[in-house]
């Protein structure tokens, strides 16, 4: 059974940091692009960051570039880990953050992702 489980969300003051983690299991995600998306109340889900299957390529939304860093760890081969280090957080970063896995080596569009986690809430207070 494929599972993507996010953790690490919470409440933080503006300017603070959080590190989100995603554990993906149930299939071999070693060749899958992985990404983070977010959805704020009343808004559509939006792309945040993506990383290629071997970690060699990363992409970021303009709104988070320079503040967020995506990384991955394929070492275990049964549980695939993806991280999102978020620094200099702003109130506008408040959203539910979702981890997702693509059926291709790298993707930034949500419609290229076929497996999604349940999300973790990030709230940034001003």
Foldseek 3Di string as FASTA:
>chain_A
DWAKAKDWADEEAAQAKIKMKIKIADDQLLQWKKFKWWDDPPGDIAGAKIAFSVRPDMDGDPVQPPFKDKGWDCPVRGIIMIMIIGGRDDQVVWTWMKMFIAPHGIDRDPVRTDDIHPTDTHGYHD
